[in-house]
Protein backbone atom coordinates (compact mmCIF):
# COMPACT_ATOMS: atom_id res chain seq x y z
CA MET A 1 116.77 120.16 128.02
CA VAL A 2 117.43 119.79 124.11
CA LEU A 3 114.67 120.05 121.66
CA ILE A 4 113.84 118.92 118.29
CA SER A 5 112.65 121.65 116.10
CA PRO A 6 109.68 120.52 113.98
CA SER A 7 109.84 120.86 110.03
CA ARG A 8 108.35 118.90 107.08
CA ARG A 9 111.76 117.20 106.77
CA LEU A 10 110.81 115.44 110.54
CA ARG A 11 107.77 113.82 109.91
CA ARG A 12 104.87 113.64 111.88
CA THR A 13 102.86 110.26 111.98
CA PRO A 14 99.37 109.41 111.78
CA PHE A 15 99.66 108.22 115.48
CA SER A 16 101.61 111.30 116.66
CA GLU A 17 98.13 113.08 118.17
CA GLY A 18 97.62 109.50 120.44
CA VAL A 19 101.12 109.48 121.27
CA GLU A 20 101.51 113.21 122.67
CA ALA A 21 98.24 112.71 124.25
CA ALA A 22 99.93 109.72 126.14
CA GLY A 23 102.63 111.59 127.51
CA VAL A 24 105.65 110.89 125.47
CA LYS A 25 108.88 111.90 127.24
CA ALA A 26 111.15 111.56 124.52
CA TYR A 27 112.03 110.77 121.02
CA THR A 28 114.61 109.44 118.67
CA VAL A 29 114.70 110.25 114.68
CA TYR A 30 114.24 107.09 112.58
CA ASN A 31 113.81 107.28 108.87
CA HIS A 32 112.85 110.80 109.02
CA MET A 33 110.26 110.39 111.04
CA LEU A 34 109.63 110.35 115.22
CA LEU A 35 109.83 107.25 116.99
CA PRO A 36 108.91 107.72 120.94
CA THR A 37 111.66 106.11 123.38
CA VAL A 38 110.29 106.87 127.06
CA PHE A 39 106.63 107.62 128.29
CA GLU A 40 106.72 106.97 132.05
CA SER A 41 110.51 105.90 132.44
CA LEU A 42 112.71 103.24 130.80
CA GLU A 43 112.18 100.94 133.66
CA ALA A 44 108.50 101.45 134.15
CA ASP A 45 107.83 101.18 130.22
CA TYR A 46 110.19 97.92 130.40
CA HIS A 47 108.06 96.16 133.28
CA HIS A 48 104.84 97.02 131.93
CA LEU A 49 105.49 95.48 128.45
CA LYS A 50 106.71 92.38 130.01
CA GLN A 51 103.25 92.19 131.98
CA TYR A 52 100.53 94.00 129.95
CA VAL A 53 99.76 95.01 126.67
CA GLN A 54 101.45 98.14 124.88
CA VAL A 55 100.35 99.96 121.21
CA TRP A 56 103.56 101.28 119.56
CA ASP A 57 103.70 103.91 116.87
CA VAL A 58 106.30 102.45 114.86
CA SER A 59 105.57 104.25 111.59
CA CYS A 60 108.98 105.02 111.11
CA GLU A 61 109.34 101.47 109.91
CA ARG A 62 108.46 102.84 106.34
CA GLN A 63 107.41 100.36 103.52
CA VAL A 64 109.51 100.08 100.58
CA GLU A 65 106.70 98.52 97.96
CA LEU A 66 107.91 96.38 94.81
CA ARG A 67 105.43 95.87 92.52
CA GLY A 68 105.15 94.65 88.77
CA PRO A 69 106.43 91.50 86.97
CA ASP A 70 109.80 91.45 88.31
CA ALA A 71 109.04 91.92 92.11
CA GLY A 72 109.99 88.76 92.85
CA ARG A 73 113.29 88.98 90.97
CA LEU A 74 114.28 91.95 92.55
CA MET A 75 113.17 90.61 95.74
CA GLN A 76 115.65 88.07 95.64
CA MET A 77 118.65 90.26 94.21
CA LEU A 78 118.51 92.12 97.52
CA THR A 79 119.04 89.38 100.12
CA PRO A 80 121.20 86.11 100.23
CA ARG A 81 118.04 84.63 101.90
CA ASP A 82 116.46 82.03 99.48
CA LEU A 83 113.00 83.07 99.12
CA ARG A 84 111.64 80.80 96.45
CA GLY A 85 109.53 78.70 98.72
CA MET A 86 107.93 81.98 100.35
CA LEU A 87 104.27 81.98 99.64
CA PRO A 88 101.88 85.28 100.10
CA GLY A 89 100.92 85.47 103.40
CA GLN A 90 104.27 85.03 104.79
CA CYS A 91 106.94 87.48 106.07
CA CYS A 92 110.38 86.82 106.33
CA TYR A 93 113.49 88.50 108.30
CA VAL A 94 115.95 89.28 105.36
CA PRO A 95 119.29 90.87 105.66
CA ILE A 96 119.69 93.21 102.77
CA VAL A 97 123.39 93.33 101.41
CA ASP A 98 125.65 95.33 98.80
CA GLU A 99 127.91 93.78 96.29
CA THR A 100 131.04 93.57 99.11
CA GLY A 101 128.02 91.60 101.11
CA GLY A 102 127.89 94.49 103.87
CA MET A 103 124.56 95.01 105.72
CA LEU A 104 122.43 97.71 104.09
CA ASN A 105 119.33 96.96 105.93
CA ASP A 106 117.40 94.37 107.85
CA PRO A 107 114.10 94.47 107.50
CA VAL A 108 111.18 92.06 107.16
CA ALA A 109 109.65 91.37 103.62
CA VAL A 110 105.96 90.75 103.40
CA LYS A 111 104.92 89.10 100.76
CA LEU A 112 101.42 90.11 99.80
CA SER A 113 101.19 88.47 96.02
CA GLU A 114 103.66 87.35 93.43
CA ASP A 115 103.81 90.53 92.05
CA ARG A 116 103.40 92.57 95.22
CA TRP A 117 105.76 92.74 98.26
CA TRP A 118 106.28 95.37 101.16
CA VAL A 119 109.52 95.73 102.32
CA SER A 120 109.59 96.95 105.98
CA ILE A 121 112.87 98.51 106.39
CA ALA A 122 115.15 99.83 109.51
CA ASP A 123 116.57 103.07 109.78
CA SER A 124 118.20 103.69 106.52
CA ASP A 125 117.35 105.18 103.18
CA LEU A 126 116.75 101.72 101.55
CA LEU A 127 114.40 103.35 98.89
CA PHE A 128 117.09 104.87 97.01
CA TRP A 129 119.54 101.65 96.81
CA ILE A 130 116.32 99.39 95.67
CA LYS A 131 115.41 102.22 92.91
CA GLY A 132 119.26 101.94 91.86
CA VAL A 133 119.26 98.31 91.34
CA VAL A 134 115.56 98.74 89.30
CA ASN A 135 117.16 101.28 86.93
CA GLY A 136 120.68 99.49 86.47
CA TRP A 137 119.15 96.02 85.42
CA ARG A 138 116.02 97.50 83.80
CA LEU A 139 113.58 95.52 85.86
CA ASP A 140 109.86 95.82 85.01
CA VAL A 141 108.79 96.82 88.74
CA LEU A 142 107.48 100.11 90.33
CA VAL A 143 109.15 101.04 93.40
CA ASP A 144 107.60 103.56 95.69
CA GLU A 145 106.95 104.36 99.46
CA PRO A 146 103.05 103.33 99.72
CA ASP A 147 100.98 105.39 102.31
CA VAL A 148 101.23 102.52 105.15
CA SER A 149 102.31 103.01 108.79
CA PRO A 150 102.72 100.07 111.09
CA LEU A 151 101.36 99.97 114.29
CA ALA A 152 102.49 97.46 116.73
CA ILE A 153 101.03 95.77 119.71
CA GLN A 154 103.17 94.05 121.98
CA GLY A 155 103.01 92.24 125.20
CA PRO A 156 101.51 88.82 126.75
CA LYS A 157 97.97 90.33 126.47
CA ALA A 158 98.82 91.26 122.94
CA ASP A 159 96.25 88.49 121.42
CA ASP A 160 93.25 89.28 123.71
CA LEU A 161 93.54 92.84 122.81
CA LEU A 162 93.43 92.57 119.14
CA ALA A 163 90.71 89.64 119.23
CA ARG A 164 88.56 92.24 120.62
CA VAL A 165 88.71 94.52 117.81
CA PHE A 166 89.07 91.72 115.17
CA GLY A 167 87.73 88.65 116.23
CA ASP A 168 89.02 85.46 117.59
CA SER A 169 90.75 84.59 114.32
CA VAL A 170 93.86 86.70 114.97
CA ARG A 171 94.85 84.27 117.62
CA ASP A 172 95.38 81.65 114.66
CA ILE A 173 97.82 83.81 112.65
CA ARG A 174 101.35 82.06 112.98
CA PHE A 175 104.36 83.51 113.40
CA PHE A 176 105.79 85.63 110.55
CA ARG A 177 102.59 84.76 108.93
CA PHE A 178 99.79 87.34 108.10
CA GLY A 179 96.14 88.14 107.39
CA ILE A 180 93.70 90.20 106.30
CA TYR A 181 91.11 91.82 108.53
CA GLN A 182 88.60 94.79 108.03
CA PHE A 183 88.37 98.03 109.87
CA GLN A 184 86.34 100.81 108.74
CA GLY A 185 85.28 98.69 105.82
CA ARG A 186 88.77 98.60 104.31
CA ASP A 187 91.22 95.72 104.31
CA VAL A 188 94.01 95.96 106.82
CA VAL A 189 97.12 93.40 107.23
CA ILE A 190 97.95 92.33 110.47
CA ALA A 191 100.98 90.03 110.87
CA ARG A 192 102.25 88.28 113.99
CA SER A 193 105.67 89.77 114.33
CA GLY A 194 107.20 92.72 116.39
CA TYR A 195 110.23 94.39 117.58
CA SER A 196 110.19 92.63 121.11
CA LYS A 197 110.03 89.21 122.57
CA GLN A 198 107.14 89.54 124.29
CA GLY A 199 104.95 88.29 121.49
CA GLY A 200 102.78 90.31 119.60
CA PHE A 201 101.35 91.93 116.11
CA GLU A 202 102.16 94.58 113.56
CA ILE A 203 98.78 96.45 111.95
CA TYR A 204 100.19 97.64 108.52
CA VAL A 205 97.59 100.69 108.40
CA GLU A 206 96.96 102.01 104.94
CA GLY A 207 95.82 105.34 104.90
CA ARG A 208 96.60 108.27 107.30
CA GLU A 209 92.90 108.89 108.13
CA ARG A 210 92.47 105.52 109.55
CA GLY A 211 95.59 105.96 112.28
CA MET A 212 93.72 107.52 114.89
CA PRO A 213 90.07 105.93 114.55
CA LEU A 214 92.27 102.73 114.82
CA TRP A 215 94.25 103.82 117.90
CA ARG A 216 91.50 104.98 119.93
CA LYS A 217 89.41 101.55 119.53
CA LEU A 218 91.95 99.74 120.64
CA PHE A 219 92.46 101.83 123.61
CA GLU A 220 88.70 101.80 124.37
CA ALA A 221 88.72 97.83 123.92
CA GLY A 222 91.94 97.20 126.31
CA GLN A 223 90.96 99.67 129.21
CA ASP A 224 90.88 96.28 131.78
CA LEU A 225 93.89 95.06 130.22
CA ASN A 226 95.99 97.61 131.19
CA VAL A 227 96.74 98.67 127.40
CA ARG A 228 99.28 101.96 127.46
CA ALA A 229 100.87 103.63 124.81
CA GLY A 230 104.63 102.28 124.50
CA CYS A 231 107.57 102.00 122.45
CA PRO A 232 110.49 99.30 121.75
CA SER A 233 112.41 98.62 125.00
CA ALA A 234 116.32 99.28 124.80
CA ILE A 235 116.54 97.30 128.08
CA GLU A 236 114.29 94.53 126.73
CA ARG A 237 115.13 94.28 123.02
CA ILE A 238 119.53 94.03 124.42
CA GLU A 239 118.07 91.21 126.44
CA GLY A 240 116.80 89.46 123.61
CA GLY A 241 119.38 90.14 121.25
CA LEU A 242 117.44 92.12 118.86
CA LEU A 243 120.02 94.02 116.81
CA SER A 244 119.71 97.72 115.95
CA TYR A 245 120.76 98.59 112.34
CA GLY A 246 122.83 101.57 112.43
CA ASN A 247 123.63 101.02 116.15
CA ASP A 248 124.92 97.27 116.26
CA MET A 249 125.69 96.76 112.54
CA THR A 250 126.49 99.06 109.59
CA ASP A 251 127.51 98.55 106.22
CA ASP A 252 130.84 97.48 107.24
CA ASN A 253 129.57 93.93 108.51
CA THR A 254 128.45 90.91 106.94
CA PRO A 255 125.26 89.14 108.07
CA HIS A 256 127.86 86.57 109.18
CA GLU A 257 129.53 88.96 111.47
CA CYS A 258 125.82 90.35 112.88
CA GLY A 259 125.39 86.36 113.68
CA LEU A 260 122.58 86.34 110.47
CA GLY A 261 124.38 83.47 109.09
CA ARG A 262 121.21 81.25 109.35
CA PHE A 263 119.41 83.59 107.13
CA CYS A 264 121.61 83.48 104.34
CA ASN A 265 121.27 80.55 101.63
CA THR A 266 124.15 81.87 99.73
CA HIS A 267 124.34 78.27 97.61
CA THR A 268 121.09 78.58 96.48
CA ALA A 269 119.88 82.53 96.48
CA ILE A 270 121.00 82.78 92.95
CA GLY A 271 120.82 86.44 91.76
CA CYS A 272 121.67 88.19 95.20
CA ILE A 273 123.84 91.09 94.27
CA GLY A 274 126.18 90.49 97.21
CA ARG A 275 126.37 86.28 96.86
CA ASP A 276 129.98 86.00 95.44
CA ALA A 277 131.41 88.05 98.43
CA LEU A 278 128.99 86.29 100.75
CA LEU A 279 130.04 82.90 99.39
CA ARG A 280 133.83 83.62 100.63
CA VAL A 281 132.72 84.88 104.05
CA ALA A 282 130.90 81.63 104.42
CA THR A 283 133.66 79.68 103.20
CA GLU A 284 136.25 81.48 105.59
CA GLY A 285 134.18 82.22 108.38
CA PRO A 286 134.20 85.75 110.25
CA VAL A 287 136.85 87.03 112.22
CA GLN A 288 134.54 89.11 114.68
CA GLN A 289 130.96 88.44 115.56
CA ILE A 290 128.14 89.72 117.57
CA ARG A 291 127.56 88.58 121.04
CA ALA A 292 126.08 89.24 124.35
CA ILE A 293 127.96 91.09 127.12
CA ALA A 294 127.53 91.01 130.79
CA ILE A 295 128.89 94.31 132.26
CA SER A 296 129.62 94.07 136.08
CA GLY A 297 129.13 97.05 138.53
CA ASP A 298 126.33 99.70 138.78
CA PRO A 299 124.10 100.84 135.89
CA VAL A 300 125.90 102.05 132.98
CA PRO A 301 125.32 105.38 131.65
CA VAL A 302 123.36 105.70 128.09
CA CYS A 303 125.63 104.07 125.56
CA ASP A 304 125.41 106.88 122.89
CA ARG A 305 128.95 105.58 121.27
CA VAL A 306 131.05 102.62 120.67
CA TRP A 307 132.54 101.52 123.87
CA PRO A 308 135.90 99.85 123.31
CA VAL A 309 136.43 96.28 124.71
CA TYR A 310 139.88 95.03 125.83
CA SER A 311 141.45 91.86 127.27
CA ASN A 312 145.34 92.39 128.51
CA SER A 313 145.51 95.66 127.39
CA LYS A 314 144.75 94.80 123.68
CA ARG A 315 141.32 95.69 121.83
CA VAL A 316 139.35 92.92 121.03
CA GLY A 317 136.08 94.57 120.19
CA GLN A 318 133.51 96.98 121.06
CA VAL A 319 130.15 97.47 122.77
CA THR A 320 127.58 98.97 120.80
CA SER A 321 124.32 99.13 122.95
CA ALA A 322 123.93 98.38 126.59
CA ALA A 323 121.62 99.23 129.67
CA TRP A 324 120.77 98.29 132.88
CA SER A 325 118.49 95.17 133.25
CA PRO A 326 116.21 94.95 136.19
CA ASP A 327 115.01 91.76 135.68
CA PHE A 328 118.69 89.82 135.25
CA GLU A 329 120.37 92.36 137.79
CA THR A 330 122.94 93.20 135.61
CA ASN A 331 123.96 95.30 132.66
CA VAL A 332 123.35 93.92 129.45
CA ALA A 333 124.88 94.97 126.30
CA ILE A 334 125.66 93.88 122.52
CA GLY A 335 128.81 94.03 121.06
CA MET A 336 130.97 93.06 118.15
CA ILE A 337 133.84 90.30 119.67
CA ARG A 338 136.81 89.06 117.79
CA MET A 339 136.94 85.36 117.56
CA THR A 340 139.68 85.10 119.84
CA HIS A 341 137.67 86.12 122.75
CA TRP A 342 134.01 85.38 121.68
CA ASP A 343 133.58 81.87 123.48
CA ASP A 344 131.14 81.82 126.48
CA GLU A 345 132.29 83.27 129.74
CA THR A 346 135.37 84.82 128.34
CA LYS A 347 136.84 87.64 130.63
CA VAL A 348 137.10 91.15 129.13
CA GLU A 349 137.11 94.41 130.25
CA VAL A 350 134.57 97.40 128.61
CA GLU A 351 135.91 101.11 128.71
CA THR A 352 132.76 102.63 129.72
CA PRO A 353 132.46 106.73 129.96
CA ASP A 354 132.72 106.26 133.71
CA GLY A 355 135.96 104.04 133.75
CA MET A 356 136.71 100.47 133.04
CA ARG A 357 134.38 97.51 134.04
CA PRO A 358 135.02 93.81 133.92
CA ALA A 359 132.70 92.13 131.62
CA LEU A 360 131.81 88.50 130.43
CA VAL A 361 131.29 87.42 127.01
CA ARG A 362 128.23 85.03 126.60
CA GLU A 363 127.54 82.93 123.84
CA LYS A 364 123.47 83.07 124.45
CA PHE A 365 121.54 86.28 125.36
CA TRP A 366 119.11 86.27 128.42
CA ILE A 367 115.86 85.70 126.94
């Protein structure tokens, strides 16, 4: 067993006490914080997520707050998605790109007001890039990391659990919208969003001191719903094609290569830093793109490095995430595949740690 040595560089979260009491068995490090990855087992956690409701400590989804007269302009400079029609109360999935069109992050942007935004980031130090943009362009906006820690409520019974704590009106929150609710006499933002295909919410908890009181309240309210502590499921997110920044894509990839072209309005997103580069990509088209891949054979080992993909001994791509799916009874995977081999049902071979495996490229993911 390999242990993680604690230090102030590896930050605990407002919910760490509850996570540890729930019997967490494994963590990863994400944005310099602990992110749980296993409670009972990968498969047991997966099955429970699909049937009941889980409370996830996703405090590692750090917020970058943009506040000031130029906040909206700055947000548009960061992404090729046209945000001109976005209203306060909305959330948007936004690719963040650099001057070459390379992916820097794929966060959710939360528009609190015309001059205040939260950028709920994946695993990268995006705060420094945004501060650099502000300084270079001399924008009138304050950028910092607020004391905000997301808590995800995911699973088919998520609506029932949240309604018991915050009232039935939470059921009316539309996808990628949020409402303002009260907890312990203070406002709390609740959005219908989350890193699973099972449905649910993310609660943006302001103030560390409110973390455990909310955690305990949710578990008290959900005892008969079989509520458990959980975490993002590697199996379920691969089945659903939910990408992991740093695993499935890096700054070497454009949004179009990542299958995120539908979130790029490069002709109308005036001001985006990477717009010119992405206009060329949009015109010429990508030469590789993320695809679902079904890998034959027994359950594959943990995919902790790139697995090359071949056709007739020629490398045509790579697998970046893989897991055995109990529901679909196959090894599900995400990979970056050359355009010559990305058509549905194309036969390829994947070089896994335990040998070559036959595989099929799929145009669509499983859920």
